[in-house]
Amino acid sequence: MKLRILVPFYNAAETLYRLIENLAIQNDSDFDVLFLDDASKDNSKQVIDEALVEFPHLNTTYVRNEENIGIMRNVIQGVEQTDDDVICCICDGDDFLFPHAVSTVKRYYRDNDLDFAWSNFVFYPSMQPGFCREVNHEISARVFYPFWWMSHMRTWKAGTFKKIDYEKKFKWQGEWFDYANDLAIMFALQEVTDKYMHIPEQLYYHDISEGQNTTRAPEKRRKQLIEETRIRSLFEDEDALQFNHYMRHIMTFYEGIMAACDSEPEFKALLKSKGFPVD
């Protein structure tokens, strides 16, 4: 079973060595890595070259875009350069993997005949567990968007991904989804296959340390939310949209209460005082 790790990045010199060092200690070494450099202006290429001297057993390919094309097209480019039967695993240039990630993904694909899957992750450096979980195949995960359960690590067979109509599902009025690309990809994959599942094991470190997680920047977060709304309109029917409308109001209410509390016990106590069930 072939597996390729796609590493889309832009100006990731500070973190690429950590990722490459991490890939070098995977307990299954039968995979290759495709570095997708979106016209970085720092010394990312130098970091990669120097790291590969130290870890020459890694099978890697480096592709550099002449101009910055955005993460969505960068990912598409990587998948299009991959044979259909190969499992693609996305690892952002500022994140890294658990040492058993490759072997675990292969095992789940082999044992369950999968077309795509997503694992659990932890936030780095806090090591707090992420929020991924299984979804009900009878009710599209898109309906449960407010909880967004299909995050890191995202994986798929290249041939399954290529069935997606990129122009219709990954763009809005001519603009690519570059701020919520993960949402668009996972929703689109649900439309082309029902052979998917959640891998319950933690396989991915998502770096949210200061300077690494740019999705928390106010302007980028604003653009991300705009794209999320547009993506929902591309995929959801009227019932799902109505459901999400109500759920977003509920989530906003809960987030407001949480913001007013200093601890989880205080949060639960306040909810209980308002008549909400608390386990």
C-alpha atoms as a PDB file:
ATOM      1  CA  MET A   1       0.000   0.000   0.000  1.00  0.00           C
ATOM      2  CA  LYS A   2       1.540   3.278  -1.163  1.00  0.00           C
ATOM      3  CA  LEU A   3       1.372   6.446   0.891  1.00  0.00           C
ATOM      4  CA  ARG A   4       2.543   9.980   0.187  1.00  0.00           C
ATOM      5  CA  ILE A   5       2.761  12.853   2.651  1.00  0.00           C
ATOM      6  CA  LEU A   6       1.917  16.176   1.024  1.00  0.00           C
ATOM      7  CA  VAL A   7       3.544  19.144   2.755  1.00  0.00           C
ATOM      8  CA  PRO A   8       2.095  22.440   1.449  1.00  0.00           C
ATOM      9  CA  PHE A   9       3.886  25.425   2.957  1.00  0.00           C
ATOM     10  CA  TYR A  10       4.841  29.067   2.655  1.00  0.00           C
ATOM     11  CA  ASN A  11       7.741  30.567   4.636  1.00  0.00           C
ATOM     12  CA  ALA A  12       8.070  27.585   6.987  1.00  0.00           C
ATOM     13  CA  ALA A  13      11.827  27.653   7.568  1.00  0.00           C
ATOM     14  CA  GLU A  14      11.401  27.762  11.353  1.00  0.00           C
ATOM     15  CA  THR A  15       9.459  24.496  11.533  1.00  0.00           C
ATOM     16  CA  LEU A  16      10.407  22.347   8.539  1.00  0.00           C
ATOM     17  CA  TYR A  17      13.406  20.743  10.229  1.00  0.00           C
ATOM     18  CA  ARG A  18      11.184  19.540  13.077  1.00  0.00           C
ATOM     19  CA  LEU A  19       8.785  17.980  10.572  1.00  0.00           C
ATOM     20  CA  ILE A  20      11.535  16.267   8.580  1.00  0.00           C
ATOM     21  CA  GLU A  21      13.172  14.946  11.752  1.00  0.00           C
ATOM     22  CA  ASN A  22       9.761  13.617  12.770  1.00  0.00           C
ATOM     23  CA  LEU A  23       9.199  11.907   9.411  1.00  0.00           C
ATOM     24  CA  ALA A  24      12.600  10.258   9.693  1.00  0.00           C
ATOM     25  CA  ILE A  25      11.495   8.316  12.790  1.00  0.00           C
ATOM     26  CA  GLN A  26       8.191   6.973  11.466  1.00  0.00           C
ATOM     27  CA  ASN A  27       7.911   3.300  12.408  1.00  0.00           C
ATOM     28  CA  ASP A  28       6.943   2.520   8.811  1.00  0.00           C
ATOM     29  CA  SER A  29       9.474   3.995   6.388  1.00  0.00           C
ATOM     30  CA  ASP A  30       7.689   2.907   3.218  1.00  0.00           C
ATOM     31  CA  PHE A  31       6.309   6.287   2.110  1.00  0.00           C
ATOM     32  CA  ASP A  32       7.438   9.337   0.197  1.00  0.00           C
ATOM     33  CA  VAL A  33       7.140  13.077   0.825  1.00  0.00           C
ATOM     34  CA  LEU A  34       6.153  15.800  -1.630  1.00  0.00           C
ATOM     35  CA  PHE A  35       7.171  19.271  -0.461  1.00  0.00           C
ATOM     36  CA  LEU A  36       4.952  21.930  -2.079  1.00  0.00           C
ATOM     37  CA  ASP A  37       6.668  25.304  -1.696  1.00  0.00           C
ATOM     38  CA  ASP A  38       4.241  28.110  -2.521  1.00  0.00           C
ATOM     39  CA  ALA A  39       6.933  30.614  -3.535  1.00  0.00           C
ATOM     40  CA  SER A  40       8.424  31.049  -0.063  1.00  0.00           C
ATOM     41  CA  LYS A  41      10.564  34.132   0.509  1.00  0.00           C
ATOM     42  CA  ASP A  42      12.565  32.703   3.413  1.00  0.00           C
ATOM     43  CA  ASN A  43      15.223  29.952   3.426  1.00  0.00           C
ATOM     44  CA  SER A  44      12.775  27.042   3.535  1.00  0.00           C
ATOM     45  CA  LYS A  45      14.529  25.244   0.659  1.00  0.00           C
ATOM     46  CA  GLN A  46      17.883  25.487   2.430  1.00  0.00           C
ATOM     47  CA  VAL A  47      16.384  24.023   5.611  1.00  0.00           C
ATOM     48  CA  ILE A  48      14.980  21.086   3.626  1.00  0.00           C
ATOM     49  CA  ASP A  49      18.254  20.428   1.822  1.00  0.00           C
ATOM     50  CA  GLU A  50      20.293  20.509   5.018  1.00  0.00           C
ATOM     51  CA  ALA A  51      17.851  18.259   6.860  1.00  0.00           C
ATOM     52  CA  LEU A  52      17.872  15.678   4.074  1.00  0.00           C
ATOM     53  CA  VAL A  53      21.647  15.428   4.328  1.00  0.00           C
ATOM     54  CA  GLU A  54      21.073  14.331   7.910  1.00  0.00           C
ATOM     55  CA  PHE A  55      18.205  11.987   6.990  1.00  0.00           C
ATOM     56  CA  PRO A  56      19.141  10.637   3.533  1.00  0.00           C
ATOM     57  CA  HIS A  57      16.848   7.601   3.785  1.00  0.00           C
ATOM     58  CA  LEU A  58      13.746   9.771   3.280  1.00  0.00           C
ATOM     59  CA  ASN A  59      12.249   9.586  -0.211  1.00  0.00           C
ATOM     60  CA  THR A  60      11.330  13.176  -1.079  1.00  0.00           C
ATOM     61  CA  THR A  61      10.424  15.450  -3.954  1.00  0.00           C
ATOM     62  CA  TYR A  62      10.511  19.231  -3.845  1.00  0.00           C
ATOM     63  CA  VAL A  63       8.288  21.442  -6.022  1.00  0.00           C
ATOM     64  CA  ARG A  64       8.440  25.224  -5.931  1.00  0.00           C
ATOM     65  CA  ASN A  65       5.803  27.491  -7.450  1.00  0.00           C
ATOM     66  CA  GLU A  66       7.118  30.491  -9.343  1.00  0.00           C
ATOM     67  CA  GLU A  67       4.393  32.597  -7.759  1.00  0.00           C
ATOM     68  CA  ASN A  68       2.176  32.209  -4.722  1.00  0.00           C
ATOM     69  CA  ILE A  69      -0.960  30.328  -5.792  1.00  0.00           C
ATOM     70  CA  GLY A  70      -2.606  29.693  -2.400  1.00  0.00           C
ATOM     71  CA  ILE A  71      -2.967  26.521  -0.397  1.00  0.00           C
ATOM     72  CA  MET A  72      -5.961  25.088  -2.267  1.00  0.00           C
ATOM     73  CA  ARG A  73      -4.246  25.047  -5.641  1.00  0.00           C
ATOM     74  CA  ASN A  74      -1.035  23.914  -3.977  1.00  0.00           C
ATOM     75  CA  VAL A  75      -2.825  20.866  -2.553  1.00  0.00           C
ATOM     76  CA  ILE A  76      -4.541  20.165  -5.879  1.00  0.00           C
ATOM     77  CA  GLN A  77      -1.174  20.346  -7.606  1.00  0.00           C
ATOM     78  CA  GLY A  78       0.249  17.786  -5.201  1.00  0.00           C
ATOM     79  CA  VAL A  79      -2.653  15.380  -5.646  1.00  0.00           C
ATOM     80  CA  GLU A  80      -2.559  15.687  -9.439  1.00  0.00           C
ATOM     81  CA  GLN A  81       1.108  14.631  -9.345  1.00  0.00           C
ATOM     82  CA  THR A  82       0.198  11.490  -7.379  1.00  0.00           C
ATOM     83  CA  ASP A  83      -0.966   8.114  -8.768  1.00  0.00           C
ATOM     84  CA  ASP A  84      -4.631   7.319  -8.154  1.00  0.00           C
ATOM     85  CA  ASP A  85      -4.076   4.378  -5.797  1.00  0.00           C
ATOM     86  CA  VAL A  86      -1.765   6.293  -3.455  1.00  0.00           C
ATOM     87  CA  ILE A  87      -2.998   7.508  -0.049  1.00  0.00           C
ATOM     88  CA  CYS A  88      -2.318  11.221   0.406  1.00  0.00           C
ATOM     89  CA  CYS A  89      -1.797  12.566   3.929  1.00  0.00           C
ATOM     90  CA  ILE A  90      -1.774  16.329   4.427  1.00  0.00           C
ATOM     91  CA  CYS A  91       0.752  17.728   6.896  1.00  0.00           C
ATOM     92  CA  ASP A  92       1.126  21.500   7.008  1.00  0.00           C
ATOM     93  CA  GLY A  93       4.690  22.758   7.080  1.00  0.00           C
ATOM     94  CA  ASP A  94       4.346  24.059  10.637  1.00  0.00           C
ATOM     95  CA  ASP A  95       2.837  20.834  12.041  1.00  0.00           C
ATOM     96  CA  PHE A  96       4.171  17.303  12.528  1.00  0.00           C
ATOM     97  CA  LEU A  97       3.091  13.694  13.078  1.00  0.00           C
ATOM     98  CA  PHE A  98       3.090  11.012  15.724  1.00  0.00           C
ATOM     99  CA  PRO A  99       5.750   8.346  14.996  1.00  0.00           C
ATOM    100  CA  HIS A 100       3.094   5.721  14.234  1.00  0.00           C
ATOM    101  CA  ALA A 101       1.033   7.921  11.897  1.00  0.00           C
ATOM    102  CA  VAL A 102       2.036   6.300   8.588  1.00  0.00           C
ATOM    103  CA  SER A 103       1.611   2.710   9.770  1.00  0.00           C
ATOM    104  CA  THR A 104      -1.731   3.495  11.410  1.00  0.00           C
ATOM    105  CA  VAL A 105      -3.209   5.188   8.337  1.00  0.00           C
ATOM    106  CA  LYS A 106      -2.151   2.277   6.141  1.00  0.00           C
ATOM    107  CA  ARG A 107      -3.699  -0.217   8.536  1.00  0.00           C
ATOM    108  CA  TYR A 108      -7.060   1.548   8.623  1.00  0.00           C
ATOM    109  CA  TYR A 109      -7.190   1.906   4.842  1.00  0.00           C
ATOM    110  CA  ARG A 110      -6.263  -1.745   4.344  1.00  0.00           C
ATOM    111  CA  ASP A 111      -8.645  -3.147   6.946  1.00  0.00           C
ATOM    112  CA  ASN A 112     -11.645  -0.941   6.044  1.00  0.00           C
ATOM    113  CA  ASP A 113     -11.276  -0.401   2.288  1.00  0.00           C
ATOM    114  CA  LEU A 114     -11.347   3.381   2.679  1.00  0.00           C
ATOM    115  CA  ASP A 115     -11.351   6.220   0.169  1.00  0.00           C
ATOM    116  CA  PHE A 116     -10.741   8.953   2.745  1.00  0.00           C
ATOM    117  CA  ALA A 117     -10.356   9.340   6.497  1.00  0.00           C
ATOM    118  CA  TRP A 118      -9.384  11.760   9.239  1.00  0.00           C
ATOM    119  CA  SER A 119      -7.653  11.065  12.549  1.00  0.00           C
ATOM    120  CA  ASN A 120      -7.478  12.653  15.967  1.00  0.00           C
ATOM    121  CA  PHE A 121      -4.894  15.301  16.791  1.00  0.00           C
ATOM    122  CA  VAL A 122      -3.462  17.230  19.711  1.00  0.00           C
ATOM    123  CA  PHE A 123      -2.784  20.934  20.018  1.00  0.00           C
ATOM    124  CA  TYR A 124       0.917  21.701  20.374  1.00  0.00           C
ATOM    125  CA  PRO A 125       2.524  22.674  22.708  1.00  0.00           C
ATOM    126  CA  SER A 126      -0.363  22.372  25.219  1.00  0.00           C
ATOM    127  CA  MET A 127      -0.967  18.720  24.221  1.00  0.00           C
ATOM    128  CA  GLN A 128      -4.696  19.233  24.667  1.00  0.00           C
ATOM    129  CA  PRO A 129      -6.708  16.733  22.594  1.00  0.00           C
ATOM    130  CA  GLY A 130      -8.398  17.950  19.434  1.00  0.00           C
ATOM    131  CA  PHE A 131     -12.073  17.658  18.559  1.00  0.00           C
ATOM    132  CA  CYS A 132     -12.261  15.097  15.731  1.00  0.00           C
ATOM    133  CA  ARG A 133     -14.752  12.250  15.896  1.00  0.00           C
ATOM    134  CA  GLU A 134     -16.816   9.852  13.796  1.00  0.00           C
ATOM    135  CA  VAL A 135     -19.829  11.116  11.871  1.00  0.00           C
ATOM    136  CA  ASN A 136     -23.126   9.418  11.111  1.00  0.00           C
ATOM    137  CA  HIS A 137     -23.123   8.311   7.482  1.00  0.00           C
ATOM    138  CA  GLU A 138     -26.904   8.513   7.422  1.00  0.00           C
ATOM    139  CA  ILE A 139     -26.767  12.219   8.245  1.00  0.00           C
ATOM    140  CA  SER A 140     -24.089  14.117   6.395  1.00  0.00           C
ATOM    141  CA  ALA A 141     -21.319  15.594   8.520  1.00  0.00           C
ATOM    142  CA  ARG A 142     -22.113  18.834   6.718  1.00  0.00           C
ATOM    143  CA  VAL A 143     -25.296  19.100   8.788  1.00  0.00           C
ATOM    144  CA  PHE A 144     -23.187  19.064  11.925  1.00  0.00           C
ATOM    145  CA  TYR A 145     -20.861  21.757  10.655  1.00  0.00           C
ATOM    146  CA  PRO A 146     -20.910  23.834  13.880  1.00  0.00           C
ATOM    147  CA  PHE A 147     -18.878  21.081  15.533  1.00  0.00           C
ATOM    148  CA  TRP A 148     -16.539  20.428  12.550  1.00  0.00           C
ATOM    149  CA  TRP A 149     -15.344  16.935  13.369  1.00  0.00           C
ATOM    150  CA  MET A 150     -13.283  16.172  10.224  1.00  0.00           C
ATOM    151  CA  SER A 151      -9.977  17.919  10.829  1.00  0.00           C
ATOM    152  CA  HIS A 152      -6.318  16.843  11.250  1.00  0.00           C
ATOM    153  CA  MET A 153      -5.003  14.542   9.947  1.00  0.00           C
ATOM    154  CA  ARG A 154      -6.862  14.588   6.631  1.00  0.00           C
ATOM    155  CA  THR A 155      -6.151  11.709   4.259  1.00  0.00           C
ATOM    156  CA  TRP A 156      -7.579  10.443   0.978  1.00  0.00           C
ATOM    157  CA  LYS A 157      -6.784   8.313  -2.036  1.00  0.00           C
ATOM    158  CA  ALA A 158      -5.558  10.510  -4.862  1.00  0.00           C
ATOM    159  CA  GLY A 159      -8.012   8.946  -7.314  1.00  0.00           C
ATOM    160  CA  THR A 160     -10.962   9.764  -5.045  1.00  0.00           C
ATOM    161  CA  PHE A 161      -9.872  13.383  -4.714  1.00  0.00           C
ATOM    162  CA  LYS A 162      -9.548  13.711  -8.504  1.00  0.00           C
ATOM    163  CA  LYS A 163     -13.253  12.905  -8.902  1.00  0.00           C
ATOM    164  CA  ILE A 164     -14.109  16.286  -7.355  1.00  0.00           C
ATOM    165  CA  ASP A 165     -15.088  19.107  -9.700  1.00  0.00           C
ATOM    166  CA  TYR A 166     -12.517  21.643  -8.505  1.00  0.00           C
ATOM    167  CA  GLU A 167     -14.082  24.590 -10.300  1.00  0.00           C
ATOM    168  CA  LYS A 168     -17.520  23.988  -8.767  1.00  0.00           C
ATOM    169  CA  LYS A 169     -16.570  22.884  -5.264  1.00  0.00           C
ATOM    170  CA  PHE A 170     -13.360  24.752  -4.487  1.00  0.00           C
ATOM    171  CA  LYS A 171     -14.130  28.229  -5.825  1.00  0.00           C
ATOM    172  CA  TRP A 172     -16.588  31.067  -5.234  1.00  0.00           C
ATOM    173  CA  GLN A 173     -17.091  33.637  -7.987  1.00  0.00           C
ATOM    174  CA  GLY A 174     -13.700  32.792  -9.416  1.00  0.00           C
ATOM    175  CA  GLU A 175     -11.822  32.886  -6.086  1.00  0.00           C
ATOM    176  CA  TRP A 176     -10.296  29.748  -4.580  1.00  0.00           C
ATOM    177  CA  PHE A 177     -11.106  28.727  -1.012  1.00  0.00           C
ATOM    178  CA  ASP A 178      -7.722  29.311   0.631  1.00  0.00           C
ATOM    179  CA  TYR A 179      -8.840  30.108   4.196  1.00  0.00           C
ATOM    180  CA  ALA A 180     -11.285  27.239   4.714  1.00  0.00           C
ATOM    181  CA  ASN A 181      -9.883  24.812   2.171  1.00  0.00           C
ATOM    182  CA  ASP A 182     -10.060  21.884   4.617  1.00  0.00           C
ATOM    183  CA  LEU A 183     -13.816  22.330   4.968  1.00  0.00           C
ATOM    184  CA  ALA A 184     -14.368  22.413   1.201  1.00  0.00           C
ATOM    185  CA  ILE A 185     -12.198  19.355   0.604  1.00  0.00           C
ATOM    186  CA  MET A 186     -13.796  17.112   3.216  1.00  0.00           C
ATOM    187  CA  PHE A 187     -17.328  18.119   2.236  1.00  0.00           C
ATOM    188  CA  ALA A 188     -16.537  17.460  -1.441  1.00  0.00           C
ATOM    189  CA  LEU A 189     -15.069  14.035  -0.671  1.00  0.00           C
ATOM    190  CA  GLN A 190     -18.345  13.063   1.011  1.00  0.00           C
ATOM    191  CA  GLU A 191     -20.125  13.672  -2.276  1.00  0.00           C
ATOM    192  CA  VAL A 192     -17.941  11.303  -4.304  1.00  0.00           C
ATOM    193  CA  THR A 193     -17.738   8.312  -1.932  1.00  0.00           C
ATOM    194  CA  ASP A 194     -19.324   6.777   1.157  1.00  0.00           C
ATOM    195  CA  LYS A 195     -16.210   4.739   2.028  1.00  0.00           C
ATOM    196  CA  TYR A 196     -14.820   6.889   4.805  1.00  0.00           C
ATOM    197  CA  MET A 197     -14.353   6.873   8.566  1.00  0.00           C
ATOM    198  CA  HIS A 198     -12.724   8.570  11.507  1.00  0.00           C
ATOM    199  CA  ILE A 199      -9.425   7.083  12.733  1.00  0.00           C
ATOM    200  CA  PRO A 200      -9.776   7.407  16.522  1.00  0.00           C
ATOM    201  CA  GLU A 201      -6.050   7.434  17.272  1.00  0.00           C
ATOM    202  CA  GLN A 202      -4.049  10.632  17.772  1.00  0.00           C
ATOM    203  CA  LEU A 203      -1.703  10.943  14.793  1.00  0.00           C
ATOM    204  CA  TYR A 204      -1.080  14.668  14.323  1.00  0.00           C
ATOM    205  CA  TYR A 205       0.416  17.589  16.255  1.00  0.00           C
ATOM    206  CA  HIS A 206      -1.267  20.880  15.333  1.00  0.00           C
ATOM    207  CA  ASP A 207       1.038  23.742  16.300  1.00  0.00           C
ATOM    208  CA  ILE A 208      -0.863  26.688  17.768  1.00  0.00           C
ATOM    209  CA  SER A 209       2.136  28.299  19.436  1.00  0.00           C
ATOM    210  CA  GLU A 210       2.580  32.034  18.998  1.00  0.00           C
ATOM    211  CA  GLY A 211       3.738  32.903  15.509  1.00  0.00           C
ATOM    212  CA  GLN A 212       2.685  29.576  13.978  1.00  0.00           C
ATOM    213  CA  ASN A 213      -1.111  29.477  13.932  1.00  0.00           C
ATOM    214  CA  THR A 214      -2.154  32.250  11.559  1.00  0.00           C
ATOM    215  CA  THR A 215      -5.858  31.318  11.566  1.00  0.00           C
ATOM    216  CA  ARG A 216      -6.170  33.181  14.876  1.00  0.00           C
ATOM    217  CA  ALA A 217      -5.165  36.483  13.269  1.00  0.00           C
ATOM    218  CA  PRO A 218      -8.361  38.602  13.201  1.00  0.00           C
ATOM    219  CA  GLU A 219      -8.322  39.416   9.471  1.00  0.00           C
ATOM    220  CA  LYS A 220      -7.581  35.855   8.418  1.00  0.00           C
ATOM    221  CA  ARG A 221     -10.218  34.532  10.789  1.00  0.00           C
ATOM    222  CA  ARG A 222     -12.748  36.935   9.251  1.00  0.00           C
ATOM    223  CA  LYS A 223     -11.920  35.651   5.762  1.00  0.00           C
ATOM    224  CA  GLN A 224     -12.109  32.085   7.003  1.00  0.00           C
ATOM    225  CA  LEU A 225     -15.627  32.609   8.374  1.00  0.00           C
ATOM    226  CA  ILE A 226     -16.756  34.214   5.116  1.00  0.00           C
ATOM    227  CA  GLU A 227     -15.460  31.231   3.152  1.00  0.00           C
ATOM    228  CA  GLU A 228     -17.091  28.774   5.542  1.00  0.00           C
ATOM    229  CA  THR A 229     -20.464  30.397   4.919  1.00  0.00           C
ATOM    230  CA  ARG A 230     -19.958  30.231   1.155  1.00  0.00           C
ATOM    231  CA  ILE A 231     -18.842  26.608   1.293  1.00  0.00           C
ATOM    232  CA  ARG A 232     -21.964  25.643   3.236  1.00  0.00           C
ATOM    233  CA  SER A 233     -24.121  27.276   0.582  1.00  0.00           C
ATOM    234  CA  LEU A 234     -22.449  25.135  -2.096  1.00  0.00           C
ATOM    235  CA  PHE A 235     -23.073  21.843  -0.319  1.00  0.00           C
ATOM    236  CA  GLU A 236     -26.052  22.035   1.994  1.00  0.00           C
ATOM    237  CA  ASP A 237     -29.735  21.663   1.285  1.00  0.00           C
ATOM    238  CA  GLU A 238     -32.349  23.917   2.889  1.00  0.00           C
ATOM    239  CA  ASP A 239     -32.940  21.621   5.893  1.00  0.00           C
ATOM    240  CA  ALA A 240     -29.229  21.526   6.686  1.00  0.00           C
ATOM    241  CA  LEU A 241     -28.919  25.282   6.337  1.00  0.00           C
ATOM    242  CA  GLN A 242     -31.850  25.833   8.694  1.00  0.00           C
ATOM    243  CA  PHE A 243     -30.380  23.386  11.208  1.00  0.00           C
ATOM    244  CA  ASN A 244     -27.041  25.157  11.126  1.00  0.00           C
ATOM    245  CA  HIS A 245     -28.729  28.541  11.502  1.00  0.00           C
ATOM    246  CA  TYR A 246     -30.211  27.477  14.828  1.00  0.00           C
ATOM    247  CA  MET A 247     -27.082  25.652  15.964  1.00  0.00           C
ATOM    248  CA  ARG A 248     -24.880  28.688  15.338  1.00  0.00           C
ATOM    249  CA  HIS A 249     -27.141  30.722  17.622  1.00  0.00           C
ATOM    250  CA  ILE A 250     -26.819  28.054  20.317  1.00  0.00           C
ATOM    251  CA  MET A 251     -23.023  27.911  19.922  1.00  0.00           C
ATOM    252  CA  THR A 252     -22.793  31.693  20.146  1.00  0.00           C
ATOM    253  CA  PHE A 253     -24.831  31.626  23.362  1.00  0.00           C
ATOM    254  CA  TYR A 254     -22.610  28.943  24.890  1.00  0.00           C
ATOM    255  CA  GLU A 255     -19.435  30.743  23.827  1.00  0.00           C
ATOM    256  CA  GLY A 256     -20.721  33.935  25.452  1.00  0.00           C
ATOM    257  CA  ILE A 257     -21.314  32.154  28.740  1.00  0.00           C
ATOM    258  CA  MET A 258     -17.936  30.437  28.545  1.00  0.00           C
ATOM    259  CA  ALA A 259     -16.190  33.766  27.977  1.00  0.00           C
ATOM    260  CA  ALA A 260     -17.703  35.077  31.201  1.00  0.00           C
ATOM    261  CA  CYS A 261     -16.340  32.178  33.260  1.00  0.00           C
ATOM    262  CA  ASP A 262     -12.842  31.622  34.597  1.00  0.00           C
ATOM    263  CA  SER A 263     -12.992  27.836  34.838  1.00  0.00           C
ATOM    264  CA  GLU A 264     -14.896  24.802  33.572  1.00  0.00           C
ATOM    265  CA  PRO A 265     -16.643  24.180  36.953  1.00  0.00           C
ATOM    266  CA  GLU A 266     -17.855  27.793  36.945  1.00  0.00           C
ATOM    267  CA  PHE A 267     -19.050  27.372  33.355  1.00  0.00           C
ATOM    268  CA  LYS A 268     -21.018  24.225  34.239  1.00  0.00           C
ATOM    269  CA  ALA A 269     -22.470  25.817  37.350  1.00  0.00           C
ATOM    270  CA  LEU A 270     -23.726  28.781  35.354  1.00  0.00           C
ATOM    271  CA  LEU A 271     -25.286  26.511  32.726  1.00  0.00           C
ATOM    272  CA  LYS A 272     -26.989  24.469  35.444  1.00  0.00           C
ATOM    273  CA  SER A 273     -28.382  27.637  37.034  1.00  0.00           C
ATOM    274  CA  LYS A 274     -29.991  28.515  33.695  1.00  0.00           C
ATOM    275  CA  GLY A 275     -31.713  25.114  33.487  1.00  0.00           C
ATOM    276  CA  PHE A 276     -29.370  23.447  30.980  1.00  0.00           C
ATOM    277  CA  PRO A 277     -28.566  19.728  31.492  1.00  0.00           C
ATOM    278  CA  VAL A 278     -24.969  19.272  32.642  1.00  0.00           C
ATOM    279  CA  ASP A 279     -23.334  15.846  32.858  1.00  0.00           C
END
